[in-house]
Amino acid sequence: MLKKGLFLKFSPEIVEKPIVYRLVKDYNLIFNILKATITPGKEGIMILELMGERDNLERGLQYLKEEGVEVQPLGQQVVKNEERCIHCGACTAVCPTGALSVDRETFKVIYLPEKCTACAFCVSACITKAMEIHIQSEAV
């Protein structure tokens, strides 16, 4: 099973369509919405993880584009710079996936990159710039 992090942008004309529902029903994909701002009659944005078999993912992404959804990969990786981290925990408060947490015994920030979807919320929250974005080339 593959997993892709995506940034989706919906125009006002399509924002009320059941597009994400169709990804599940027609393409057998699993989704996890990390952040969404959808307002009827206005532009909408959504950051989500999409998981499924390679063929289903490709067909689902094609469907999104055909429906007029702007699709951008989250083609970046977040890396924790241990030398800069002061373990304040500010990043843990904004992490939607649980990739960042505080160890209750040592009070150190623990980073699990395998849980990270590279939404970069932690990068903005980090006062010492210990959370860094590394860009990867990824095609959708």
Protein backbone atom coordinates (compact mmCIF):
# COMPACT_ATOMS: atom_id res chain seq x y z
CA MET A 1 0.00 0.00 0.00
CA LEU A 2 1.34 3.43 -0.98
CA LYS A 3 0.78 6.72 0.83
CA LYS A 4 0.89 10.22 -0.69
CA GLY A 5 0.59 13.56 1.03
CA LEU A 6 -1.41 16.00 -1.09
CA PHE A 7 -2.49 19.62 -1.11
CA LEU A 8 -5.86 19.97 -2.87
CA LYS A 9 -7.45 23.21 -3.99
CA PHE A 10 -11.15 23.28 -4.94
CA SER A 11 -12.69 26.08 -7.03
CA PRO A 12 -16.04 27.57 -5.91
CA GLU A 13 -17.78 25.64 -8.71
CA ILE A 14 -16.78 22.21 -7.40
CA VAL A 15 -16.41 22.75 -3.65
CA GLU A 16 -19.82 21.19 -2.89
CA LYS A 17 -19.26 18.00 -4.94
CA PRO A 18 -18.63 14.72 -3.03
CA ILE A 19 -15.16 14.37 -4.55
CA VAL A 20 -13.34 12.80 -1.60
CA TYR A 21 -16.21 10.36 -1.12
CA ARG A 22 -15.73 9.20 -4.74
CA LEU A 23 -12.05 8.47 -4.00
CA VAL A 24 -13.16 5.93 -1.41
CA LYS A 25 -16.15 4.49 -3.24
CA ASP A 26 -14.83 4.35 -6.82
CA TYR A 27 -11.07 3.97 -6.33
CA ASN A 28 -10.85 2.02 -3.06
CA LEU A 29 -8.59 4.63 -1.45
CA ILE A 30 -8.19 5.51 2.21
CA PHE A 31 -7.85 9.15 3.19
CA ASN A 32 -6.83 11.04 6.29
CA ILE A 33 -7.72 14.75 6.27
CA LEU A 34 -5.00 16.68 8.09
CA LYS A 35 -6.41 20.15 7.50
CA ALA A 36 -9.33 21.51 5.53
CA THR A 37 -11.01 24.82 4.90
CA ILE A 38 -14.11 24.24 2.80
CA THR A 39 -16.83 26.86 2.52
CA PRO A 40 -19.81 26.40 0.20
CA GLY A 41 -19.63 28.79 -2.74
CA LYS A 42 -16.00 29.70 -2.04
CA GLU A 43 -12.62 28.20 -2.77
CA GLY A 44 -11.61 25.27 -0.58
CA ILE A 45 -8.29 23.76 0.42
CA MET A 46 -7.47 20.40 1.91
CA ILE A 47 -4.28 18.71 3.05
CA LEU A 48 -4.66 14.96 3.17
CA GLU A 49 -2.92 11.63 3.10
CA LEU A 50 -4.18 9.32 0.40
CA MET A 51 -3.42 5.60 0.70
CA GLY A 52 -4.03 2.64 -1.55
CA GLU A 53 -2.69 0.39 -4.28
CA ARG A 54 -0.54 2.12 -6.93
CA ASP A 55 -3.08 1.71 -9.77
CA ASN A 56 -5.95 2.98 -7.63
CA LEU A 57 -3.88 5.97 -6.48
CA GLU A 58 -2.99 6.89 -10.05
CA ARG A 59 -6.61 6.56 -11.20
CA GLY A 60 -7.82 8.55 -8.19
CA LEU A 61 -5.34 11.36 -8.86
CA GLN A 62 -6.43 11.45 -12.49
CA TYR A 63 -10.06 11.67 -11.35
CA LEU A 64 -9.24 14.65 -9.10
CA LYS A 65 -7.60 16.49 -12.00
CA GLU A 66 -10.52 15.70 -14.34
CA GLU A 67 -12.93 17.13 -11.74
CA GLY A 68 -10.94 20.38 -11.72
CA VAL A 69 -9.19 19.93 -8.38
CA GLU A 70 -5.73 21.50 -8.29
CA VAL A 71 -3.44 18.76 -6.95
CA GLN A 72 0.02 19.41 -5.53
CA PRO A 73 2.17 16.79 -3.87
CA LEU A 74 3.62 17.43 -0.47
CA GLY A 75 6.99 16.64 -2.04
CA GLN A 76 9.08 17.63 0.91
CA GLN A 77 10.48 16.02 3.98
CA VAL A 78 10.71 17.51 7.45
CA VAL A 79 13.96 16.87 9.29
CA LYS A 80 14.69 17.57 12.95
CA ASN A 81 18.05 19.25 13.60
CA GLU A 82 18.98 17.76 16.98
CA GLU A 83 21.69 20.37 17.61
CA ARG A 84 19.21 23.24 17.38
CA CYS A 85 16.33 21.63 19.27
CA ILE A 86 15.82 22.94 22.81
CA HIS A 87 12.94 20.50 23.45
CA CYS A 88 10.39 23.21 24.20
CA GLY A 89 7.56 21.13 22.69
CA ALA A 90 6.01 23.94 20.61
CA CYS A 91 6.13 21.72 17.52
CA THR A 92 4.16 18.95 19.21
CA ALA A 93 1.13 21.20 19.72
CA VAL A 94 0.67 21.75 15.97
CA CYS A 95 1.55 18.29 14.62
CA PRO A 96 -1.65 16.73 13.20
CA THR A 97 -0.21 13.22 12.76
CA GLY A 98 1.52 12.53 16.07
CA ALA A 99 4.96 12.46 14.43
CA LEU A 100 6.17 14.79 17.20
CA SER A 101 5.67 14.10 20.89
CA VAL A 102 7.30 14.74 24.24
CA ASP A 103 8.81 11.79 26.09
CA ARG A 104 7.27 12.04 29.57
CA GLU A 105 10.36 10.63 31.29
CA THR A 106 13.11 12.66 29.60
CA PHE A 107 11.00 15.67 28.50
CA LYS A 108 12.71 15.51 25.11
CA VAL A 109 10.89 15.96 21.82
CA ILE A 110 10.66 12.69 19.91
CA TYR A 111 10.31 12.82 16.11
CA LEU A 112 8.96 9.82 14.16
CA PRO A 113 9.54 10.67 10.47
CA GLU A 114 7.52 7.66 9.29
CA LYS A 115 4.38 9.35 10.71
CA CYS A 116 5.21 12.74 9.17
CA THR A 117 3.27 13.97 6.12
CA ALA A 118 5.46 17.07 5.69
CA CYS A 119 2.65 19.55 6.29
CA ALA A 120 5.35 21.83 7.80
CA PHE A 121 3.19 23.19 10.63
CA CYS A 122 6.06 22.35 13.01
CA VAL A 123 8.51 24.36 10.93
CA SER A 124 6.49 27.53 11.52
CA ALA A 125 6.05 26.75 15.23
CA CYS A 126 9.72 26.03 15.98
CA ILE A 127 11.38 29.05 17.58
CA THR A 128 14.94 27.75 17.08
CA LYS A 129 14.37 26.57 13.48
CA ALA A 130 15.26 23.00 14.47
CA MET A 131 12.51 21.64 12.22
CA GLU A 132 13.69 22.02 8.63
CA ILE A 133 12.16 21.33 5.22
CA HIS A 134 14.13 19.33 2.69
CA ILE A 135 12.59 19.46 -0.80
CA GLN A 136 12.31 16.23 -2.79
CA SER A 137 11.36 15.84 -6.42
CA GLU A 138 8.03 14.07 -6.68
CA ALA A 139 5.59 13.91 -9.56
CA VAL A 140 1.83 13.59 -9.29
